[in-house]
Amino acid sequence: MTMKQLVAVLVAAVFAAMSLAAVAQDKKMDKSDKMEKKMDKKDKKDKKKDGKKKSEKGDKKKSDKMDKK
């Protein structure tokens, strides 16, 4: 093997290693993005439920005040 071939093989190996690392990092980022989306959906659902509960409580208080008068 000549020196040029050795350098070419080493460059190819480094490139392949970097490509594999980049693919692994992309997969990891995709998983974290999916988890964030799931958490956002849960937060939105919780906020909607909390909003409904608060408005129901407010409605009850208003009706209680009217009953007392």
PDB file of N, CA and C in Angstrom:
ATOM      1  N   MET A   1       0.841  -1.163   0.000  1.00  0.00           N
ATOM      2  CA  MET A   1       0.000   0.000   0.000  1.00  0.00           C
ATOM      3  C   MET A   1       0.900   1.244   0.000  1.00  0.00           C
ATOM      4  N   THR A   2       0.596   2.118  -0.883  1.00  0.00           N
ATOM      5  CA  THR A   2       1.416   3.329  -0.947  1.00  0.00           C
ATOM      6  C   THR A   2       0.907   4.345   0.066  1.00  0.00           C
ATOM      7  N   MET A   3       1.668   5.374   0.247  1.00  0.00           N
ATOM      8  CA  MET A   3       1.322   6.418   1.210  1.00  0.00           C
ATOM      9  C   MET A   3       0.030   7.134   0.801  1.00  0.00           C
ATOM     10  N   LYS A   4      -0.160   7.378  -0.490  1.00  0.00           N
ATOM     11  CA  LYS A   4      -1.366   8.052  -0.966  1.00  0.00           C
ATOM     12  C   LYS A   4      -2.606   7.214  -0.676  1.00  0.00           C
ATOM     13  N   GLN A   5      -2.491   5.899  -0.880  1.00  0.00           N
ATOM     14  CA  GLN A   5      -3.626   5.019  -0.613  1.00  0.00           C
ATOM     15  C   GLN A   5      -3.964   4.999   0.880  1.00  0.00           C
ATOM     16  N   LEU A   6      -2.913   4.983   1.707  1.00  0.00           N
ATOM     17  CA  LEU A   6      -3.111   4.976   3.150  1.00  0.00           C
ATOM     18  C   LEU A   6      -3.836   6.254   3.596  1.00  0.00           C
ATOM     19  N   VAL A   7      -3.409   7.380   3.095  1.00  0.00           N
ATOM     20  CA  VAL A   7      -4.044   8.651   3.436  1.00  0.00           C
ATOM     21  C   VAL A   7      -5.491   8.649   2.957  1.00  0.00           C
ATOM     22  N   ALA A   8      -5.741   8.137   1.763  1.00  0.00           N
ATOM     23  CA  ALA A   8      -7.103   8.100   1.226  1.00  0.00           C
ATOM     24  C   ALA A   8      -8.000   7.225   2.096  1.00  0.00           C
ATOM     25  N   VAL A   9      -7.496   6.091   2.541  1.00  0.00           N
ATOM     26  CA  VAL A   9      -8.274   5.193   3.398  1.00  0.00           C
ATOM     27  C   VAL A   9      -8.546   5.857   4.749  1.00  0.00           C
ATOM     28  N   LEU A  10      -7.562   6.532   5.308  1.00  0.00           N
ATOM     29  CA  LEU A  10      -7.747   7.204   6.594  1.00  0.00           C
ATOM     30  C   LEU A  10      -8.779   8.336   6.479  1.00  0.00           C
ATOM     31  N   VAL A  11      -8.709   9.092   5.397  1.00  0.00           N
ATOM     32  CA  VAL A  11      -9.678  10.172   5.189  1.00  0.00           C
ATOM     33  C   VAL A  11     -11.080   9.590   5.042  1.00  0.00           C
ATOM     34  N   ALA A  12     -11.202   8.509   4.302  1.00  0.00           N
ATOM     35  CA  ALA A  12     -12.505   7.868   4.121  1.00  0.00           C
ATOM     36  C   ALA A  12     -13.043   7.343   5.455  1.00  0.00           C
ATOM     37  N   ALA A  13     -12.170   6.777   6.282  1.00  0.00           N
ATOM     38  CA  ALA A  13     -12.588   6.249   7.584  1.00  0.00           C
ATOM     39  C   ALA A  13     -13.070   7.378   8.498  1.00  0.00           C
ATOM     40  N   VAL A  14     -12.346   8.489   8.488  1.00  0.00           N
ATOM     41  CA  VAL A  14     -12.748   9.632   9.310  1.00  0.00           C
ATOM     42  C   VAL A  14     -14.090  10.170   8.830  1.00  0.00           C
ATOM     43  N   PHE A  15     -14.266  10.287   7.531  1.00  0.00           N
ATOM     44  CA  PHE A  15     -15.528  10.770   6.976  1.00  0.00           C
ATOM     45  C   PHE A  15     -16.685   9.853   7.356  1.00  0.00           C
ATOM     46  N   ALA A  16     -16.461   8.545   7.268  1.00  0.00           N
ATOM     47  CA  ALA A  16     -17.502   7.581   7.617  1.00  0.00           C
ATOM     48  C   ALA A  16     -17.863   7.686   9.101  1.00  0.00           C
ATOM     49  N   ALA A  17     -16.859   7.842   9.943  1.00  0.00           N
ATOM     50  CA  ALA A  17     -17.110   7.954  11.382  1.00  0.00           C
ATOM     51  C   ALA A  17     -17.911   9.216  11.686  1.00  0.00           C
ATOM     52  N   MET A  18     -17.559  10.318  11.023  1.00  0.00           N
ATOM     53  CA  MET A  18     -18.287  11.567  11.249  1.00  0.00           C
ATOM     54  C   MET A  18     -19.725  11.456  10.754  1.00  0.00           C
ATOM     55  N   SER A  19     -19.926  10.782   9.652  1.00  0.00           N
ATOM     56  CA  SER A  19     -21.269  10.609   9.112  1.00  0.00           C
ATOM     57  C   SER A  19     -22.129   9.783  10.057  1.00  0.00           C
ATOM     58  N   LEU A  20     -21.576   8.713  10.587  1.00  0.00           N
ATOM     59  CA  LEU A  20     -22.322   7.877  11.532  1.00  0.00           C
ATOM     60  C   LEU A  20     -22.668   8.660  12.800  1.00  0.00           C
ATOM     61  N   ALA A  21     -21.738   9.462  13.270  1.00  0.00           N
ATOM     62  CA  ALA A  21     -21.992  10.263  14.468  1.00  0.00           C
ATOM     63  C   ALA A  21     -23.109  11.282  14.204  1.00  0.00           C
ATOM     64  N   ALA A  22     -23.104  11.865  13.019  1.00  0.00           N
ATOM     65  CA  ALA A  22     -24.135  12.846  12.677  1.00  0.00           C
ATOM     66  C   ALA A  22     -25.508  12.183  12.584  1.00  0.00           C
ATOM     67  N   VAL A  23     -25.570  11.008  12.007  1.00  0.00           N
ATOM     68  CA  VAL A  23     -26.839  10.288  11.893  1.00  0.00           C
ATOM     69  C   VAL A  23     -27.361   9.930  13.284  1.00  0.00           C
ATOM     70  N   ALA A  24     -26.473   9.472  14.156  1.00  0.00           N
ATOM     71  CA  ALA A  24     -26.882   9.124  15.519  1.00  0.00           C
ATOM     72  C   ALA A  24     -27.397  10.355  16.260  1.00  0.00           C
ATOM     73  N   GLN A  25     -26.746  11.492  16.065  1.00  0.00           N
ATOM     74  CA  GLN A  25     -27.172  12.718  16.726  1.00  0.00           C
ATOM     75  C   GLN A  25     -28.533  13.168  16.201  1.00  0.00           C
ATOM     76  N   ASP A  26     -28.759  13.030  14.908  1.00  0.00           N
ATOM     77  CA  ASP A  26     -30.064  13.392  14.321  1.00  0.00           C
ATOM     78  C   ASP A  26     -31.173  12.532  14.900  1.00  0.00           C
ATOM     79  N   LYS A  27     -30.920  11.241  15.053  1.00  0.00           N
ATOM     80  CA  LYS A  27     -31.927  10.355  15.630  1.00  0.00           C
ATOM     81  C   LYS A  27     -32.231  10.762  17.063  1.00  0.00           C
ATOM     82  N   LYS A  28     -31.194  11.128  17.806  1.00  0.00           N
ATOM     83  CA  LYS A  28     -31.375  11.540  19.185  1.00  0.00           C
ATOM     84  C   LYS A  28     -32.200  12.823  19.247  1.00  0.00           C
ATOM     85  N   MET A  29     -31.936  13.752  18.353  1.00  0.00           N
ATOM     86  CA  MET A  29     -32.683  15.010  18.311  1.00  0.00           C
ATOM     87  C   MET A  29     -34.139  14.756  17.932  1.00  0.00           C
ATOM     88  N   ASP A  30     -34.379  13.832  17.007  1.00  0.00           N
ATOM     89  CA  ASP A  30     -35.743  13.504  16.611  1.00  0.00           C
ATOM     90  C   ASP A  30     -36.531  12.964  17.798  1.00  0.00           C
ATOM     91  N   LYS A  31     -35.902  12.096  18.590  1.00  0.00           N
ATOM     92  CA  LYS A  31     -36.580  11.545  19.758  1.00  0.00           C
ATOM     93  C   LYS A  31     -36.918  12.643  20.755  1.00  0.00           C
ATOM     94  N   SER A  32     -35.973  13.553  20.982  1.00  0.00           N
ATOM     95  CA  SER A  32     -36.236  14.630  21.943  1.00  0.00           C
ATOM     96  C   SER A  32     -37.313  15.568  21.414  1.00  0.00           C
ATOM     97  N   ASP A  33     -37.355  15.806  20.101  1.00  0.00           N
ATOM     98  CA  ASP A  33     -38.407  16.645  19.511  1.00  0.00           C
ATOM     99  C   ASP A  33     -39.767  15.996  19.690  1.00  0.00           C
ATOM    100  N   LYS A  34     -39.840  14.688  19.494  1.00  0.00           N
ATOM    101  CA  LYS A  34     -41.112  13.979  19.662  1.00  0.00           C
ATOM    102  C   LYS A  34     -41.574  14.054  21.108  1.00  0.00           C
ATOM    103  N   MET A  35     -40.631  13.911  22.034  1.00  0.00           N
ATOM    104  CA  MET A  35     -40.990  13.972  23.449  1.00  0.00           C
ATOM    105  C   MET A  35     -41.492  15.373  23.811  1.00  0.00           C
ATOM    106  N   GLU A  36     -40.843  16.402  23.249  1.00  0.00           N
ATOM    107  CA  GLU A  36     -41.277  17.772  23.518  1.00  0.00           C
ATOM    108  C   GLU A  36     -42.681  18.008  22.978  1.00  0.00           C
ATOM    109  N   LYS A  37     -42.967  17.477  21.799  1.00  0.00           N
ATOM    110  CA  LYS A  37     -44.292  17.644  21.219  1.00  0.00           C
ATOM    111  C   LYS A  37     -45.342  16.961  22.084  1.00  0.00           C
ATOM    112  N   LYS A  38     -45.016  15.765  22.589  1.00  0.00           N
ATOM    113  CA  LYS A  38     -45.953  15.061  23.452  1.00  0.00           C
ATOM    114  C   LYS A  38     -46.205  15.857  24.722  1.00  0.00           C
ATOM    115  N   MET A  39     -45.136  16.420  25.288  1.00  0.00           N
ATOM    116  CA  MET A  39     -45.284  17.197  26.512  1.00  0.00           C
ATOM    117  C   MET A  39     -46.104  18.452  26.243  1.00  0.00           C
ATOM    118  N   ASP A  40     -45.895  19.085  25.096  1.00  0.00           N
ATOM    119  CA  ASP A  40     -46.669  20.280  24.740  1.00  0.00           C
ATOM    120  C   ASP A  40     -48.146  19.944  24.618  1.00  0.00           C
ATOM    121  N   LYS A  41     -48.463  18.814  23.999  1.00  0.00           N
ATOM    122  CA  LYS A  41     -49.858  18.405  23.861  1.00  0.00           C
ATOM    123  C   LYS A  41     -50.479  18.179  25.227  1.00  0.00           C
ATOM    124  N   LYS A  42     -49.737  17.520  26.131  1.00  0.00           N
ATOM    125  CA  LYS A  42     -50.260  17.269  27.478  1.00  0.00           C
ATOM    126  C   LYS A  42     -50.481  18.586  28.209  1.00  0.00           C
ATOM    127  N   ASP A  43     -49.537  19.526  28.065  1.00  0.00           N
ATOM    128  CA  ASP A  43     -49.677  20.817  28.722  1.00  0.00           C
ATOM    129  C   ASP A  43     -50.901  21.561  28.208  1.00  0.00           C
ATOM    130  N   LYS A  44     -51.121  21.519  26.905  1.00  0.00           N
ATOM    131  CA  LYS A  44     -52.273  22.203  26.327  1.00  0.00           C
ATOM    132  C   LYS A  44     -53.570  21.591  26.838  1.00  0.00           C
ATOM    133  N   LYS A  45     -53.618  20.258  26.928  1.00  0.00           N
ATOM    134  CA  LYS A  45     -54.814  19.592  27.442  1.00  0.00           C
ATOM    135  C   LYS A  45     -55.061  19.978  28.893  1.00  0.00           C
ATOM    136  N   ASP A  46     -53.975  19.992  29.690  1.00  0.00           N
ATOM    137  CA  ASP A  46     -54.104  20.358  31.094  1.00  0.00           C
ATOM    138  C   ASP A  46     -54.595  21.794  31.241  1.00  0.00           C
ATOM    139  N   LYS A  47     -54.075  22.692  30.406  1.00  0.00           N
ATOM    140  CA  LYS A  47     -54.499  24.092  30.484  1.00  0.00           C
ATOM    141  C   LYS A  47     -55.968  24.225  30.122  1.00  0.00           C
ATOM    142  N   LYS A  48     -56.408  23.471  29.113  1.00  0.00           N
ATOM    143  CA  LYS A  48     -57.811  23.525  28.726  1.00  0.00           C
ATOM    144  C   LYS A  48     -58.688  23.040  29.869  1.00  0.00           C
ATOM    145  N   LYS A  49     -58.291  21.945  30.511  1.00  0.00           N
ATOM    146  CA  LYS A  49     -59.063  21.412  31.629  1.00  0.00           C
ATOM    147  C   LYS A  49     -59.094  22.409  32.777  1.00  0.00           C
ATOM    148  N   ASP A  50     -57.946  23.008  33.087  1.00  0.00           N
ATOM    149  CA  ASP A  50     -57.880  23.983  34.169  1.00  0.00           C
ATOM    150  C   ASP A  50     -58.754  25.190  33.851  1.00  0.00           C
ATOM    151  N   GLY A  51     -58.734  25.621  32.612  1.00  0.00           N
ATOM    152  CA  GLY A  51     -59.551  26.762  32.207  1.00  0.00           C
ATOM    153  C   GLY A  51     -61.023  26.480  32.383  1.00  0.00           C
ATOM    154  N   LYS A  52     -61.453  25.287  32.028  1.00  0.00           N
ATOM    155  CA  LYS A  52     -62.861  24.916  32.181  1.00  0.00           C
ATOM    156  C   LYS A  52     -63.232  24.859  33.658  1.00  0.00           C
ATOM    157  N   LYS A  53     -62.365  24.289  34.466  1.00  0.00           N
ATOM    158  CA  LYS A  53     -62.660  24.183  35.893  1.00  0.00           C
ATOM    159  C   LYS A  53     -62.782  25.560  36.517  1.00  0.00           C
ATOM    160  N   LYS A  54     -61.888  26.469  36.139  1.00  0.00           N
ATOM    161  CA  LYS A  54     -61.923  27.810  36.703  1.00  0.00           C
ATOM    162  C   LYS A  54     -63.195  28.535  36.292  1.00  0.00           C
ATOM    163  N   SER A  55     -63.582  28.384  35.035  1.00  0.00           N
ATOM    164  CA  SER A  55     -64.783  29.079  34.582  1.00  0.00           C
ATOM    165  C   SER A  55     -66.017  28.489  35.255  1.00  0.00           C
ATOM    166  N   GLU A  56     -66.038  27.193  35.490  1.00  0.00           N
ATOM    167  CA  GLU A  56     -67.168  26.576  36.173  1.00  0.00           C
ATOM    168  C   GLU A  56     -67.251  27.079  37.611  1.00  0.00           C
ATOM    169  N   LYS A  57     -66.100  27.182  38.260  1.00  0.00           N
ATOM    170  CA  LYS A  57     -66.085  27.677  39.632  1.00  0.00           C
ATOM    171  C   LYS A  57     -66.572  29.114  39.667  1.00  0.00           C
ATOM    172  N   GLY A  58     -66.127  29.907  38.711  1.00  0.00           N
ATOM    173  CA  GLY A  58     -66.555  31.297  38.641  1.00  0.00           C
ATOM    174  C   GLY A  58     -68.050  31.398  38.432  1.00  0.00           C
ATOM    175  N   ASP A  59     -68.604  30.535  37.586  1.00  0.00           N
ATOM    176  CA  ASP A  59     -70.043  30.537  37.341  1.00  0.00           C
ATOM    177  C   ASP A  59     -70.806  30.182  38.609  1.00  0.00           C
ATOM    178  N   LYS A  60     -70.300  29.256  39.370  1.00  0.00           N
ATOM    179  CA  LYS A  60     -70.974  28.857  40.607  1.00  0.00           C
ATOM    180  C   LYS A  60     -70.973  30.004  41.599  1.00  0.00           C
ATOM    181  N   LYS A  61     -69.857  30.724  41.688  1.00  0.00           N
ATOM    182  CA  LYS A  61     -69.768  31.835  42.624  1.00  0.00           C
ATOM    183  C   LYS A  61     -70.761  32.920  42.242  1.00  0.00           C
ATOM    184  N   LYS A  62     -70.891  33.198  40.962  1.00  0.00           N
ATOM    185  CA  LYS A  62     -71.831  34.219  40.515  1.00  0.00           C
ATOM    186  C   LYS A  62     -73.257  33.814  40.853  1.00  0.00           C
ATOM    187  N   SER A  63     -73.580  32.553  40.637  1.00  0.00           N
ATOM    188  CA  SER A  63     -74.944  32.108  40.930  1.00  0.00           C
ATOM    189  C   SER A  63     -75.199  32.114  42.433  1.00  0.00           C
ATOM    190  N   ASP A  64     -74.187  31.805  43.235  1.00  0.00           N
ATOM    191  CA  ASP A  64     -74.326  31.854  44.685  1.00  0.00           C
ATOM    192  C   ASP A  64     -74.609  33.290  45.142  1.00  0.00           C
ATOM    193  N   LYS A  65     -73.942  34.255  44.557  1.00  0.00           N
ATOM    194  CA  LYS A  65     -74.155  35.650  44.937  1.00  0.00           C
ATOM    195  C   LYS A  65     -75.574  36.082  44.582  1.00  0.00           C
ATOM    196  N   MET A  66     -76.041  35.615  43.460  1.00  0.00           N
ATOM    197  CA  MET A  66     -77.391  35.996  43.035  1.00  0.00           C
ATOM    198  C   MET A  66     -78.433  35.359  43.966  1.00  0.00           C
ATOM    199  N   ASP A  67     -78.171  34.141  44.408  1.00  0.00           N
ATOM    200  CA  ASP A  67     -79.104  33.447  45.299  1.00  0.00           C
ATOM    201  C   ASP A  67     -79.162  34.152  46.654  1.00  0.00           C
ATOM    202  N   LYS A  68     -78.048  34.672  47.127  1.00  0.00           N
ATOM    203  CA  LYS A  68     -77.999  35.322  48.428  1.00  0.00           C
ATOM    204  C   LYS A  68     -78.778  36.638  48.419  1.00  0.00           C
ATOM    205  N   LYS A  69     -78.793  37.326  47.302  1.00  0.00           N
ATOM    206  CA  LYS A  69     -79.511  38.610  47.227  1.00  0.00           C
ATOM    207  C   LYS A  69     -80.960  38.355  47.238  1.00  0.00           C
TER     208      LYS A  69
END
